[in-house]
Amino acid sequence: MSFLEKGMIIYHSTIHDFDPSDIKTPCWFSIIEEQSHLHLCFKHYGHSGGRLLKYKLRENVKVLDLSCDGYLRMFVNANGSYKLAELMKKSDMYGGYKNYKDQAEIMLVNNDVLEFIGVKDIDLNKQVEYVEKTEGWRMVEESNNTSVISCCFPRSTKKRRKTIIIPI
């Protein structure tokens, strides 16, 4: 068990148009602005545009730490993170989970702990790679190094190449 501290800033990127104060949960957030932006590029590359929503936690939130709990990681691998979040929401024991090493991510199950701070439009025309860095797995804007194959999008419309993940 762990806590996210009151006042912590978190980010959620979306292509959907909704009132940010009414964000639906369970919902994925990142503790890193760029990760939230690049995650949306990963999911919706080439979409006409997106929004980066910024929130602050109104209170301390009790969460489980997927980075440290092998059983929870196996549960997520078998059932998905959304299933874990739904179980947390029903039990009311935890406000979500964090997984900093693999994704710099937070999953929150209640929006009443969120204070909306701001929004900015973001460009989704960034090609993204998923790479292992010293702080964990992160999405980064694709390099111009032609020896690296993006795990997210083929570079051309020709026959699709095999996807690989490159540790750096």
Protein backbone atom coordinates (compact mmCIF):
# COMPACT_ATOMS: atom_id res chain seq x y z
CA MET A 1 0.00 0.00 0.00
CA SER A 2 1.13 3.51 -0.81
CA PHE A 3 -0.24 7.04 -0.87
CA LEU A 4 -0.42 9.71 -3.55
CA GLU A 5 0.03 13.02 -1.76
CA LYS A 6 -2.46 15.86 -1.70
CA GLY A 7 -1.39 18.55 -4.18
CA MET A 8 0.25 16.09 -6.59
CA ILE A 9 -0.09 17.14 -10.26
CA ILE A 10 -1.23 14.47 -12.74
CA TYR A 11 -2.11 14.50 -16.45
CA HIS A 12 -4.70 12.89 -18.69
CA SER A 13 -4.73 13.25 -22.48
CA THR A 14 -7.83 12.65 -24.59
CA ILE A 15 -9.34 13.07 -28.04
CA HIS A 16 -12.82 13.36 -26.51
CA ASP A 17 -14.71 16.55 -25.81
CA PHE A 18 -16.10 16.52 -22.25
CA ASP A 19 -16.13 18.78 -19.23
CA PRO A 20 -12.81 17.97 -17.50
CA SER A 21 -14.49 18.30 -14.09
CA ASP A 22 -16.73 15.36 -15.05
CA ILE A 23 -13.97 12.92 -16.05
CA LYS A 24 -15.21 9.33 -15.75
CA THR A 25 -13.38 6.81 -13.62
CA PRO A 26 -11.60 4.42 -13.53
CA CYS A 27 -9.23 6.54 -15.54
CA TRP A 28 -5.54 6.48 -16.49
CA PHE A 29 -3.23 9.38 -15.63
CA SER A 30 0.48 10.01 -15.83
CA ILE A 31 2.75 11.75 -13.38
CA ILE A 32 4.73 13.07 -16.38
CA GLU A 33 3.08 15.53 -18.79
CA GLU A 34 5.06 14.31 -21.80
CA GLN A 35 4.13 10.66 -21.11
CA SER A 36 0.45 11.53 -21.11
CA HIS A 37 0.85 13.39 -24.42
CA LEU A 38 2.92 10.63 -26.07
CA HIS A 39 0.54 7.93 -24.82
CA LEU A 40 -2.25 9.64 -26.75
CA CYS A 41 0.01 9.89 -29.83
CA PHE A 42 0.64 6.15 -29.44
CA LYS A 43 -3.10 5.39 -29.33
CA HIS A 44 -4.39 7.98 -31.81
CA TYR A 45 -1.52 8.93 -34.12
CA GLY A 46 -2.70 11.23 -36.89
CA HIS A 47 -5.99 12.16 -35.22
CA SER A 48 -6.95 15.78 -35.83
CA GLY A 49 -5.98 16.80 -32.30
CA GLY A 50 -6.15 16.14 -28.62
CA ARG A 51 -6.30 17.81 -25.25
CA LEU A 52 -3.96 17.50 -22.30
CA LEU A 53 -5.86 17.86 -19.03
CA LYS A 54 -4.03 18.82 -15.85
CA TYR A 55 -5.32 17.93 -12.39
CA LYS A 56 -4.25 18.30 -8.78
CA LEU A 57 -5.12 15.82 -6.03
CA ARG A 58 -7.44 17.35 -3.40
CA GLU A 59 -6.49 14.81 -0.76
CA ASN A 60 -4.13 11.93 -0.05
CA VAL A 61 -5.17 8.84 -2.03
CA LYS A 62 -4.45 5.31 -0.77
CA VAL A 63 -3.26 3.18 -3.71
CA LEU A 64 -1.64 -0.15 -4.42
CA ASP A 65 1.80 -0.13 -6.05
CA LEU A 66 1.90 -2.43 -9.08
CA SER A 67 5.63 -1.76 -9.38
CA CYS A 68 6.24 -3.77 -6.18
CA ASP A 69 3.47 -6.38 -6.09
CA GLY A 70 4.02 -9.45 -8.26
CA TYR A 71 0.57 -10.89 -7.57
CA LEU A 72 -1.16 -7.70 -8.76
CA ARG A 73 1.06 -7.58 -11.86
CA MET A 74 0.05 -11.15 -12.72
CA PHE A 75 -3.62 -10.27 -12.14
CA VAL A 76 -3.33 -7.30 -14.51
CA ASN A 77 -1.50 -9.42 -17.11
CA ALA A 78 -4.29 -12.01 -16.96
CA ASN A 79 -7.33 -9.73 -16.59
CA GLY A 80 -6.31 -6.20 -17.57
CA SER A 81 -5.79 -3.04 -15.55
CA TYR A 82 -9.39 -1.92 -16.02
CA LYS A 83 -10.65 -5.09 -14.28
CA LEU A 84 -8.38 -4.38 -11.29
CA ALA A 85 -9.59 -0.78 -11.19
CA GLU A 86 -13.25 -1.87 -11.28
CA LEU A 87 -12.65 -4.24 -8.35
CA MET A 88 -10.99 -1.40 -6.43
CA LYS A 89 -13.90 0.92 -7.17
CA LYS A 90 -16.42 -1.66 -5.88
CA SER A 91 -14.43 -2.44 -2.71
CA ASP A 92 -13.83 1.21 -1.74
CA MET A 93 -10.57 0.13 -0.01
CA TYR A 94 -8.18 1.83 -2.45
CA GLY A 95 -8.39 4.90 -4.63
CA GLY A 96 -6.50 3.17 -7.43
CA TYR A 97 -2.98 2.04 -8.20
CA LYS A 98 0.33 3.42 -9.32
CA ASN A 99 2.88 1.89 -11.64
CA TYR A 100 5.81 4.26 -11.93
CA LYS A 101 8.55 1.93 -13.11
CA ASP A 102 6.75 0.61 -16.17
CA GLN A 103 4.59 3.53 -17.23
CA ALA A 104 4.81 6.54 -14.88
CA GLU A 105 1.09 5.84 -14.57
CA ILE A 106 -1.70 6.16 -12.05
CA MET A 107 -5.16 4.63 -12.29
CA LEU A 108 -7.74 6.45 -10.18
CA VAL A 109 -11.16 5.02 -9.43
CA ASN A 110 -12.94 8.16 -8.12
CA ASN A 111 -12.99 11.62 -9.65
CA ASP A 112 -13.95 13.37 -6.40
CA VAL A 113 -10.24 13.49 -5.44
CA LEU A 114 -9.44 15.57 -8.55
CA GLU A 115 -9.28 19.32 -8.92
CA PHE A 116 -9.16 20.39 -12.56
CA ILE A 117 -6.38 22.93 -13.17
CA GLY A 118 -6.10 23.47 -16.91
CA VAL A 119 -6.18 22.22 -20.47
CA LYS A 120 -4.08 22.68 -23.57
CA ASP A 121 -4.44 21.49 -27.14
CA ILE A 122 -1.84 18.96 -28.24
CA ASP A 123 -0.58 17.68 -31.59
CA LEU A 124 -0.98 13.95 -32.18
CA ASN A 125 1.32 13.74 -35.21
CA LYS A 126 4.30 12.41 -33.28
CA GLN A 127 5.63 8.94 -33.98
CA VAL A 128 6.35 7.21 -30.69
CA GLU A 129 8.69 4.48 -29.47
CA TYR A 130 8.39 2.55 -26.22
CA VAL A 131 11.89 2.18 -24.77
CA GLU A 132 13.50 1.12 -21.52
CA LYS A 133 15.31 4.00 -19.84
CA THR A 134 17.06 4.11 -16.47
CA GLU A 135 13.87 5.30 -14.76
CA GLY A 136 11.76 2.57 -16.39
CA TRP A 137 9.83 1.99 -19.63
CA ARG A 138 8.81 5.25 -21.26
CA MET A 139 7.32 6.46 -24.49
CA VAL A 140 9.61 8.80 -26.40
CA GLU A 141 9.31 10.62 -29.67
CA GLU A 142 10.76 8.41 -32.39
CA SER A 143 14.42 9.06 -33.15
CA ASN A 144 15.76 9.64 -36.65
CA ASN A 145 18.03 6.62 -36.21
CA THR A 146 17.00 4.34 -39.07
CA SER A 147 18.21 1.25 -37.19
CA VAL A 148 15.41 1.68 -34.65
CA ILE A 149 11.99 0.32 -35.57
CA SER A 150 9.05 2.00 -33.90
CA CYS A 151 6.95 -0.34 -31.83
CA CYS A 152 3.90 1.75 -32.45
CA PHE A 153 3.60 2.60 -36.14
CA PRO A 154 5.19 1.35 -39.34
CA ARG A 155 7.32 3.95 -41.11
CA SER A 156 5.75 3.27 -44.47
CA THR A 157 2.62 1.85 -46.02
CA LYS A 158 4.61 -1.06 -47.44
CA LYS A 159 4.47 -4.52 -45.90
CA ARG A 160 4.36 -4.14 -42.10
CA ARG A 161 7.60 -4.96 -40.33
CA LYS A 162 7.90 -7.05 -37.21
CA THR A 163 7.48 -4.96 -34.04
CA ILE A 164 10.37 -4.94 -31.60
CA ILE A 165 11.16 -3.09 -28.37
CA ILE A 166 14.64 -1.63 -28.09
CA PRO A 167 16.18 -1.18 -24.60
CA ILE A 168 18.52 1.83 -24.44
